[in-house]
PDB file of all heavy atoms in Angstrom:
ATOM      1  N   ARG A   1       0.845  -1.241   0.010  1.00  0.00           N
ATOM      2  CA  ARG A   1      -0.005   0.001   0.012  1.00  0.00           C
ATOM      3  C   ARG A   1       0.864   1.264  -0.003  1.00  0.00           C
ATOM      4  O   ARG A   1       0.539   2.258  -0.647  1.00  0.00           O
ATOM      5  CB  ARG A   1      -0.936   0.013   1.209  1.00  0.00           C
ATOM      6  CG  ARG A   1      -2.062  -1.070   1.106  1.00  0.00           C
ATOM      7  CD  ARG A   1      -3.140  -0.850   2.149  1.00  0.00           C
ATOM      8  NE  ARG A   1      -2.691  -1.191   3.494  1.00  0.00           N
ATOM      9  CZ  ARG A   1      -2.795  -2.388   4.060  1.00  0.00           C
ATOM     10  NH1 ARG A   1      -3.375  -3.368   3.393  1.00  0.00           N
ATOM     11  NH2 ARG A   1      -2.384  -2.653   5.278  1.00  0.00           N
ATOM     12  N   ALA A   2       2.012   1.201   0.754  1.00  0.00           N
ATOM     13  CA  ALA A   2       2.858   2.386   0.836  1.00  0.00           C
ATOM     14  C   ALA A   2       3.501   2.735  -0.524  1.00  0.00           C
ATOM     15  O   ALA A   2       3.759   3.884  -0.821  1.00  0.00           O
ATOM     16  CB  ALA A   2       3.887   2.188   1.875  1.00  0.00           C
ATOM     17  N   LEU A   3       3.799   1.686  -1.323  1.00  0.00           N
ATOM     18  CA  LEU A   3       4.473   1.929  -2.611  1.00  0.00           C
ATOM     19  C   LEU A   3       3.513   2.098  -3.741  1.00  0.00           C
ATOM     20  O   LEU A   3       3.915   2.365  -4.887  1.00  0.00           O
ATOM     21  CB  LEU A   3       5.412   0.733  -2.895  1.00  0.00           C
ATOM     22  CG  LEU A   3       6.651   0.638  -1.974  1.00  0.00           C
ATOM     23  CD1 LEU A   3       7.424  -0.610  -2.305  1.00  0.00           C
ATOM     24  CD2 LEU A   3       7.531   1.859  -2.115  1.00  0.00           C
ATOM     25  N   LYS A   4       2.223   1.917  -3.506  1.00  0.00           N
ATOM     26  CA  LYS A   4       1.190   2.031  -4.573  1.00  0.00           C
ATOM     27  C   LYS A   4       1.255   3.408  -5.228  1.00  0.00           C
ATOM     28  O   LYS A   4       1.336   4.429  -4.514  1.00  0.00           O
ATOM     29  CB  LYS A   4      -0.166   1.750  -4.025  1.00  0.00           C
ATOM     30  CG  LYS A   4      -1.245   1.684  -5.100  1.00  0.00           C
ATOM     31  CD  LYS A   4      -2.579   1.261  -4.497  1.00  0.00           C
ATOM     32  CE  LYS A   4      -3.628   1.105  -5.604  1.00  0.00           C
ATOM     33  NZ  LYS A   4      -4.958   0.683  -5.025  1.00  0.00           N
ATOM     34  N   GLY A   5       1.301   3.457  -6.504  1.00  0.00           N
ATOM     35  CA  GLY A   5       1.372   4.756  -7.249  1.00  0.00           C
ATOM     36  C   GLY A   5       2.763   5.128  -7.597  1.00  0.00           C
ATOM     37  O   GLY A   5       2.973   6.045  -8.430  1.00  0.00           O
ATOM     38  N   GLU A   6       3.802   4.452  -6.989  1.00  0.00           N
ATOM     39  CA  GLU A   6       5.193   4.753  -7.389  1.00  0.00           C
ATOM     40  C   GLU A   6       5.480   4.050  -8.719  1.00  0.00           C
ATOM     41  O   GLU A   6       4.897   3.041  -9.051  1.00  0.00           O
ATOM     42  CB  GLU A   6       6.178   4.244  -6.297  1.00  0.00           C
ATOM     43  CG  GLU A   6       6.014   4.941  -4.992  1.00  0.00           C
ATOM     44  CD  GLU A   6       6.373   6.406  -5.073  1.00  0.00           C
ATOM     45  OE1 GLU A   6       7.312   6.762  -5.828  1.00  0.00           O
ATOM     46  OE2 GLU A   6       5.755   7.206  -4.383  1.00  0.00           O
ATOM     47  N   ARG A   7       6.382   4.624  -9.498  1.00  0.00           N
ATOM     48  CA  ARG A   7       6.770   4.029 -10.777  1.00  0.00           C
ATOM     49  C   ARG A   7       7.466   2.705 -10.513  1.00  0.00           C
ATOM     50  O   ARG A   7       8.550   2.657  -9.964  1.00  0.00           O
ATOM     51  CB  ARG A   7       7.663   4.960 -11.604  1.00  0.00           C
ATOM     52  CG  ARG A   7       7.878   4.523 -13.032  1.00  0.00           C
ATOM     53  CD  ARG A   7       8.695   5.570 -13.778  1.00  0.00           C
ATOM     54  NE  ARG A   7      10.106   5.564 -13.358  1.00  0.00           N
ATOM     55  CZ  ARG A   7      11.029   4.789 -13.960  1.00  0.00           C
ATOM     56  NH1 ARG A   7      10.693   3.994 -14.960  1.00  0.00           N
ATOM     57  NH2 ARG A   7      12.327   4.822 -13.527  1.00  0.00           N
ATOM     58  N   ARG A   8       6.814   1.566 -10.904  1.00  0.00           N
ATOM     59  CA  ARG A   8       7.332   0.244 -10.507  1.00  0.00           C
ATOM     60  C   ARG A   8       8.740   0.023 -11.042  1.00  0.00           C
ATOM     61  O   ARG A   8       9.592  -0.592 -10.409  1.00  0.00           O
ATOM     62  CB  ARG A   8       6.392  -0.817 -11.036  1.00  0.00           C
ATOM     63  CG  ARG A   8       6.814  -2.270 -10.731  1.00  0.00           C
ATOM     64  CD  ARG A   8       6.782  -2.477  -9.226  1.00  0.00           C
ATOM     65  NE  ARG A   8       7.310  -3.814  -8.898  1.00  0.00           N
ATOM     66  CZ  ARG A   8       8.564  -4.105  -8.674  1.00  0.00           C
ATOM     67  NH1 ARG A   8       9.532  -3.169  -8.803  1.00  0.00           N
ATOM     68  NH2 ARG A   8       8.972  -5.354  -8.356  1.00  0.00           N
ATOM     69  N   ALA A   9       9.064   0.485 -12.270  1.00  0.00           N
ATOM     70  CA  ALA A   9      10.337   0.258 -12.864  1.00  0.00           C
ATOM     71  C   ALA A   9      11.450   0.984 -12.112  1.00  0.00           C
ATOM     72  O   ALA A   9      12.629   0.666 -12.290  1.00  0.00           O
ATOM     73  CB  ALA A   9      10.364   0.646 -14.334  1.00  0.00           C
ATOM     74  N   GLY A  10      11.105   1.969 -11.294  1.00  0.00           N
ATOM     75  CA  GLY A  10      12.099   2.697 -10.522  1.00  0.00           C
ATOM     76  C   GLY A  10      12.367   2.107  -9.199  1.00  0.00           C
ATOM     77  O   GLY A  10      13.129   2.702  -8.380  1.00  0.00           O
ATOM     78  N   LEU A  11      11.768   0.975  -8.858  1.00  0.00           N
ATOM     79  CA  LEU A  11      11.924   0.335  -7.521  1.00  0.00           C
ATOM     80  C   LEU A  11      12.540  -1.056  -7.683  1.00  0.00           C
ATOM     81  O   LEU A  11      12.362  -1.694  -8.734  1.00  0.00           O
ATOM     82  CB  LEU A  11      10.564   0.228  -6.854  1.00  0.00           C
ATOM     83  CG  LEU A  11       9.760   1.493  -6.644  1.00  0.00           C
ATOM     84  CD1 LEU A  11       8.378   1.105  -6.053  1.00  0.00           C
ATOM     85  CD2 LEU A  11      10.482   2.440  -5.704  1.00  0.00           C
ATOM     86  N   GLU A  12      13.185  -1.513  -6.651  1.00  0.00           N
ATOM     87  CA  GLU A  12      13.649  -2.899  -6.540  1.00  0.00           C
ATOM     88  C   GLU A  12      12.971  -3.459  -5.287  1.00  0.00           C
ATOM     89  O   GLU A  12      13.289  -3.062  -4.174  1.00  0.00           O
ATOM     90  CB  GLU A  12      15.144  -3.018  -6.416  1.00  0.00           C
ATOM     91  CG  GLU A  12      15.935  -2.357  -7.552  1.00  0.00           C
ATOM     92  CD  GLU A  12      16.164  -0.843  -7.359  1.00  0.00           C
ATOM     93  OE1 GLU A  12      16.570  -0.471  -6.195  1.00  0.00           O
ATOM     94  OE2 GLU A  12      15.882  -0.075  -8.243  1.00  0.00           O
ATOM     95  N   ILE A  13      11.984  -4.377  -5.477  1.00  0.00           N
ATOM     96  CA  ILE A  13      11.251  -4.976  -4.366  1.00  0.00           C
ATOM     97  C   ILE A  13      11.691  -6.375  -4.171  1.00  0.00           C
ATOM     98  O   ILE A  13      11.619  -7.228  -5.133  1.00  0.00           O
ATOM     99  CB  ILE A  13       9.743  -4.847  -4.680  1.00  0.00           C
ATOM    100  CG1 ILE A  13       9.313  -3.385  -4.801  1.00  0.00           C
ATOM    101  CG2 ILE A  13       8.970  -5.542  -3.523  1.00  0.00           C
ATOM    102  CD1 ILE A  13       7.846  -3.226  -5.188  1.00  0.00           C
ATOM    103  N   PHE A  14      12.111  -6.698  -2.915  1.00  0.00           N
ATOM    104  CA  PHE A  14      12.561  -8.039  -2.580  1.00  0.00           C
ATOM    105  C   PHE A  14      11.643  -8.653  -1.523  1.00  0.00           C
ATOM    106  O   PHE A  14      11.207  -7.959  -0.628  1.00  0.00           O
ATOM    107  CB  PHE A  14      13.961  -7.957  -1.916  1.00  0.00           C
ATOM    108  CG  PHE A  14      15.040  -7.294  -2.760  1.00  0.00           C
ATOM    109  CD1 PHE A  14      16.262  -6.940  -2.168  1.00  0.00           C
ATOM    110  CD2 PHE A  14      14.879  -7.015  -4.139  1.00  0.00           C
ATOM    111  CE1 PHE A  14      17.265  -6.341  -2.896  1.00  0.00           C
ATOM    112  CE2 PHE A  14      15.885  -6.426  -4.854  1.00  0.00           C
ATOM    113  CZ  PHE A  14      17.095  -6.109  -4.245  1.00  0.00           C
ATOM    114  N   THR A  15      11.401  -9.920  -1.643  1.00  0.00           N
ATOM    115  CA  THR A  15      10.711 -10.630  -0.581  1.00  0.00           C
ATOM    116  C   THR A  15      11.271 -12.075  -0.454  1.00  0.00           C
ATOM    117  O   THR A  15      12.196 -12.421  -1.167  1.00  0.00           O
ATOM    118  CB  THR A  15       9.178 -10.640  -0.786  1.00  0.00           C
ATOM    119  OG1 THR A  15       8.550 -11.054   0.420  1.00  0.00           O
ATOM    120  CG2 THR A  15       8.739 -11.580  -1.920  1.00  0.00           C
ATOM    121  N   LYS A  16      10.729 -12.824   0.493  1.00  0.00           N
ATOM    122  CA  LYS A  16      11.354 -14.115   0.886  1.00  0.00           C
ATOM    123  C   LYS A  16      10.239 -15.156   1.169  1.00  0.00           C
ATOM    124  O   LYS A  16       9.109 -14.769   1.469  1.00  0.00           O
ATOM    125  CB  LYS A  16      12.213 -13.963   2.099  1.00  0.00           C
ATOM    126  CG  LYS A  16      13.186 -12.794   2.063  1.00  0.00           C
ATOM    127  CD  LYS A  16      14.017 -12.726   3.328  1.00  0.00           C
ATOM    128  CE  LYS A  16      14.689 -11.388   3.516  1.00  0.00           C
ATOM    129  NZ  LYS A  16      13.684 -10.346   3.941  1.00  0.00           N
ATOM    130  N   VAL A  17      10.686 -16.417   1.145  1.00  0.00           N
ATOM    131  CA  VAL A  17       9.755 -17.521   1.403  1.00  0.00           C
ATOM    132  C   VAL A  17      10.536 -18.534   2.246  1.00  0.00           C
ATOM    133  O   VAL A  17      11.712 -18.820   2.031  1.00  0.00           O
ATOM    134  CB  VAL A  17       9.262 -18.184   0.092  1.00  0.00           C
ATOM    135  CG1 VAL A  17      10.403 -18.591  -0.778  1.00  0.00           C
ATOM    136  CG2 VAL A  17       8.376 -19.348   0.385  1.00  0.00           C
ATOM    137  N   TYR A  18       9.913 -19.177   3.222  1.00  0.00           N
ATOM    138  CA  TYR A  18      10.370 -20.306   4.001  1.00  0.00           C
ATOM    139  C   TYR A  18       9.572 -20.457   5.275  1.00  0.00           C
ATOM    140  O   TYR A  18       8.985 -21.489   5.547  1.00  0.00           O
ATOM    141  CB  TYR A  18      11.844 -20.220   4.378  1.00  0.00           C
ATOM    142  CG  TYR A  18      12.293 -21.301   5.360  1.00  0.00           C
ATOM    143  CD1 TYR A  18      12.586 -22.569   4.911  1.00  0.00           C
ATOM    144  CD2 TYR A  18      12.379 -21.032   6.740  1.00  0.00           C
ATOM    145  CE1 TYR A  18      12.975 -23.583   5.807  1.00  0.00           C
ATOM    146  CE2 TYR A  18      12.740 -22.022   7.627  1.00  0.00           C
ATOM    147  CZ  TYR A  18      13.018 -23.301   7.168  1.00  0.00           C
ATOM    148  OH  TYR A  18      13.355 -24.285   8.055  1.00  0.00           O
ATOM    149  N   TRP A  19       9.537 -19.406   6.116  1.00  0.00           N
ATOM    150  CA  TRP A  19       8.967 -19.509   7.412  1.00  0.00           C
ATOM    151  C   TRP A  19       7.389 -19.662   7.352  1.00  0.00           C
ATOM    152  O   TRP A  19       6.794 -19.322   6.306  1.00  0.00           O
ATOM    153  CB  TRP A  19       9.274 -18.312   8.286  1.00  0.00           C
ATOM    154  CG  TRP A  19      10.728 -18.162   8.569  1.00  0.00           C
ATOM    155  CD1 TRP A  19      11.603 -17.295   7.958  1.00  0.00           C
ATOM    156  CD2 TRP A  19      11.471 -18.914   9.533  1.00  0.00           C
ATOM    157  NE1 TRP A  19      12.887 -17.529   8.489  1.00  0.00           N
ATOM    158  CE2 TRP A  19      12.826 -18.467   9.466  1.00  0.00           C
ATOM    159  CE3 TRP A  19      11.166 -19.970  10.411  1.00  0.00           C
ATOM    160  CZ2 TRP A  19      13.835 -19.022  10.245  1.00  0.00           C
ATOM    161  CZ3 TRP A  19      12.138 -20.464  11.234  1.00  0.00           C
ATOM    162  CH2 TRP A  19      13.471 -19.992  11.155  1.00  0.00           C
ATOM    163  N   PRO A  20       6.739 -20.205   8.364  1.00  0.00           N
ATOM    164  CA  PRO A  20       5.275 -20.450   8.269  1.00  0.00           C
ATOM    165  C   PRO A  20       4.475 -19.246   8.010  1.00  0.00           C
ATOM    166  O   PRO A  20       4.702 -18.184   8.599  1.00  0.00           O
ATOM    167  CB  PRO A  20       4.999 -21.066   9.686  1.00  0.00           C
ATOM    168  CG  PRO A  20       6.311 -21.616  10.194  1.00  0.00           C
ATOM    169  CD  PRO A  20       7.335 -20.688   9.619  1.00  0.00           C
ATOM    170  N   THR A  21       3.555 -19.381   7.113  1.00  0.00           N
ATOM    171  CA  THR A  21       2.585 -18.278   6.856  1.00  0.00           C
ATOM    172  C   THR A  21       1.150 -18.723   7.046  1.00  0.00           C
ATOM    173  O   THR A  21       0.201 -18.040   6.689  1.00  0.00           O
ATOM    174  CB  THR A  21       2.754 -17.768   5.390  1.00  0.00           C
ATOM    175  OG1 THR A  21       2.682 -18.892   4.493  1.00  0.00           O
ATOM    176  CG2 THR A  21       4.056 -17.081   5.204  1.00  0.00           C
ATOM    177  N   GLY A  22       1.005 -19.904   7.630  1.00  0.00           N
ATOM    178  CA  GLY A  22      -0.321 -20.448   7.891  1.00  0.00           C
ATOM    179  C   GLY A  22      -0.197 -21.687   8.777  1.00  0.00           C
ATOM    180  O   GLY A  22       0.885 -22.111   9.111  1.00  0.00           O
ATOM    181  N   PRO A  23      -1.367 -22.218   9.184  1.00  0.00           N
ATOM    182  CA  PRO A  23      -1.334 -23.349  10.112  1.00  0.00           C
ATOM    183  C   PRO A  23      -1.051 -24.748   9.510  1.00  0.00           C
ATOM    184  O   PRO A  23      -0.740 -25.705  10.226  1.00  0.00           O
ATOM    185  CB  PRO A  23      -2.743 -23.323  10.710  1.00  0.00           C
ATOM    186  CG  PRO A  23      -3.613 -22.812   9.588  1.00  0.00           C
ATOM    187  CD  PRO A  23      -2.738 -21.832   8.893  1.00  0.00           C
ATOM    188  N   GLY A  24      -1.117 -24.830   8.192  1.00  0.00           N
ATOM    189  CA  GLY A  24      -1.000 -26.170   7.555  1.00  0.00           C
ATOM    190  C   GLY A  24       0.431 -26.653   7.524  1.00  0.00           C
ATOM    191  O   GLY A  24       1.420 -25.847   7.552  1.00  0.00           O
ATOM    192  N   ARG A  25       0.625 -27.946   7.439  1.00  0.00           N
ATOM    193  CA  ARG A  25       1.940 -28.533   7.413  1.00  0.00           C
ATOM    194  C   ARG A  25       2.721 -28.180   6.175  1.00  0.00           C
ATOM    195  O   ARG A  25       3.936 -28.228   6.141  1.00  0.00           O
ATOM    196  CB  ARG A  25       1.846 -30.059   7.551  1.00  0.00           C
ATOM    197  CG  ARG A  25       1.170 -30.790   6.403  1.00  0.00           C
ATOM    198  CD  ARG A  25       0.873 -32.226   6.789  1.00  0.00           C
ATOM    199  NE  ARG A  25      -0.106 -32.309   7.799  1.00  0.00           N
ATOM    200  CZ  ARG A  25      -0.468 -33.439   8.439  1.00  0.00           C
ATOM    201  NH1 ARG A  25       0.100 -34.575   8.085  1.00  0.00           N
ATOM    202  NH2 ARG A  25      -1.416 -33.456   9.366  1.00  0.00           N
ATOM    203  N   ASN A  26       2.020 -27.746   5.086  1.00  0.00           N
ATOM    204  CA  ASN A  26       2.682 -27.337   3.909  1.00  0.00           C
ATOM    205  C   ASN A  26       2.782 -25.812   3.718  1.00  0.00           C
ATOM    206  O   ASN A  26       3.177 -25.303   2.664  1.00  0.00           O
ATOM    207  CB  ASN A  26       2.037 -27.933   2.635  1.00  0.00           C
ATOM    208  CG  ASN A  26       2.311 -29.415   2.516  1.00  0.00           C
ATOM    209  OD1 ASN A  26       3.484 -29.808   2.551  1.00  0.00           O
ATOM    210  ND2 ASN A  26       1.259 -30.218   2.356  1.00  0.00           N
ATOM    211  N   ASP A  27       2.382 -25.096   4.784  1.00  0.00           N
ATOM    212  CA  ASP A  27       2.428 -23.615   4.764  1.00  0.00           C
ATOM    213  C   ASP A  27       3.778 -23.130   5.221  1.00  0.00           C
ATOM    214  O   ASP A  27       3.916 -22.084   5.882  1.00  0.00           O
ATOM    215  CB  ASP A  27       1.334 -23.004   5.696  1.00  0.00           C
ATOM    216  CG  ASP A  27      -0.032 -23.290   5.158  1.00  0.00           C
ATOM    217  OD1 ASP A  27      -0.211 -23.359   3.921  1.00  0.00           O
ATOM    218  OD2 ASP A  27      -0.964 -23.347   6.004  1.00  0.00           O
ATOM    219  N   ARG A  28       4.865 -23.803   4.905  1.00  0.00           N
ATOM    220  CA  ARG A  28       6.190 -23.504   5.339  1.00  0.00           C
ATOM    221  C   ARG A  28       7.180 -24.282   4.562  1.00  0.00           C
ATOM    222  O   ARG A  28       6.843 -25.179   3.790  1.00  0.00           O
ATOM    223  CB  ARG A  28       6.326 -23.906   6.825  1.00  0.00           C
ATOM    224  CG  ARG A  28       6.153 -25.382   7.078  1.00  0.00           C
ATOM    225  CD  ARG A  28       5.651 -25.661   8.473  1.00  0.00           C
ATOM    226  NE  ARG A  28       4.319 -25.171   8.661  1.00  0.00           N
ATOM    227  CZ  ARG A  28       3.847 -24.667   9.816  1.00  0.00           C
ATOM    228  NH1 ARG A  28       4.612 -24.570  10.854  1.00  0.00           N
ATOM    229  NH2 ARG A  28       2.604 -24.211   9.873  1.00  0.00           N
ATOM    230  N   GLY A  29       8.462 -23.913   4.635  1.00  0.00           N
ATOM    231  CA  GLY A  29       9.505 -24.639   3.950  1.00  0.00           C
ATOM    232  C   GLY A  29       9.677 -24.183   2.481  1.00  0.00           C
ATOM    233  O   GLY A  29       9.151 -23.188   2.041  1.00  0.00           O
ATOM    234  N   LEU A  30      10.442 -24.991   1.753  1.00  0.00           N
ATOM    235  CA  LEU A  30      10.723 -24.681   0.359  1.00  0.00           C
ATOM    236  C   LEU A  30      10.304 -25.791  -0.625  1.00  0.00           C
ATOM    237  O   LEU A  30      10.909 -26.045  -1.612  1.00  0.00           O
ATOM    238  CB  LEU A  30      12.274 -24.452   0.205  1.00  0.00           C
ATOM    239  CG  LEU A  30      12.796 -23.247   0.969  1.00  0.00           C
ATOM    240  CD1 LEU A  30      14.344 -23.143   0.765  1.00  0.00           C
ATOM    241  CD2 LEU A  30      12.138 -21.957   0.569  1.00  0.00           C
ATOM    242  N   SER A  31       9.211 -26.465  -0.238  1.00  0.00           N
ATOM    243  CA  SER A  31       8.603 -27.440  -1.203  1.00  0.00           C
ATOM    244  C   SER A  31       8.089 -26.668  -2.390  1.00  0.00           C
ATOM    245  O   SER A  31       7.819 -25.463  -2.343  1.00  0.00           O
ATOM    246  CB  SER A  31       7.504 -28.188  -0.529  1.00  0.00           C
ATOM    247  OG  SER A  31       6.381 -27.340  -0.296  1.00  0.00           O
TER     248      SER A  31
END
């Protein structure tokens, strides 16, 4: 929401995956 309206090509946005994001046994890891 904070970056909405900014020129996307002028930004470098990084995110990550691994830690739990839900209660399920497959809501985590790098499967």
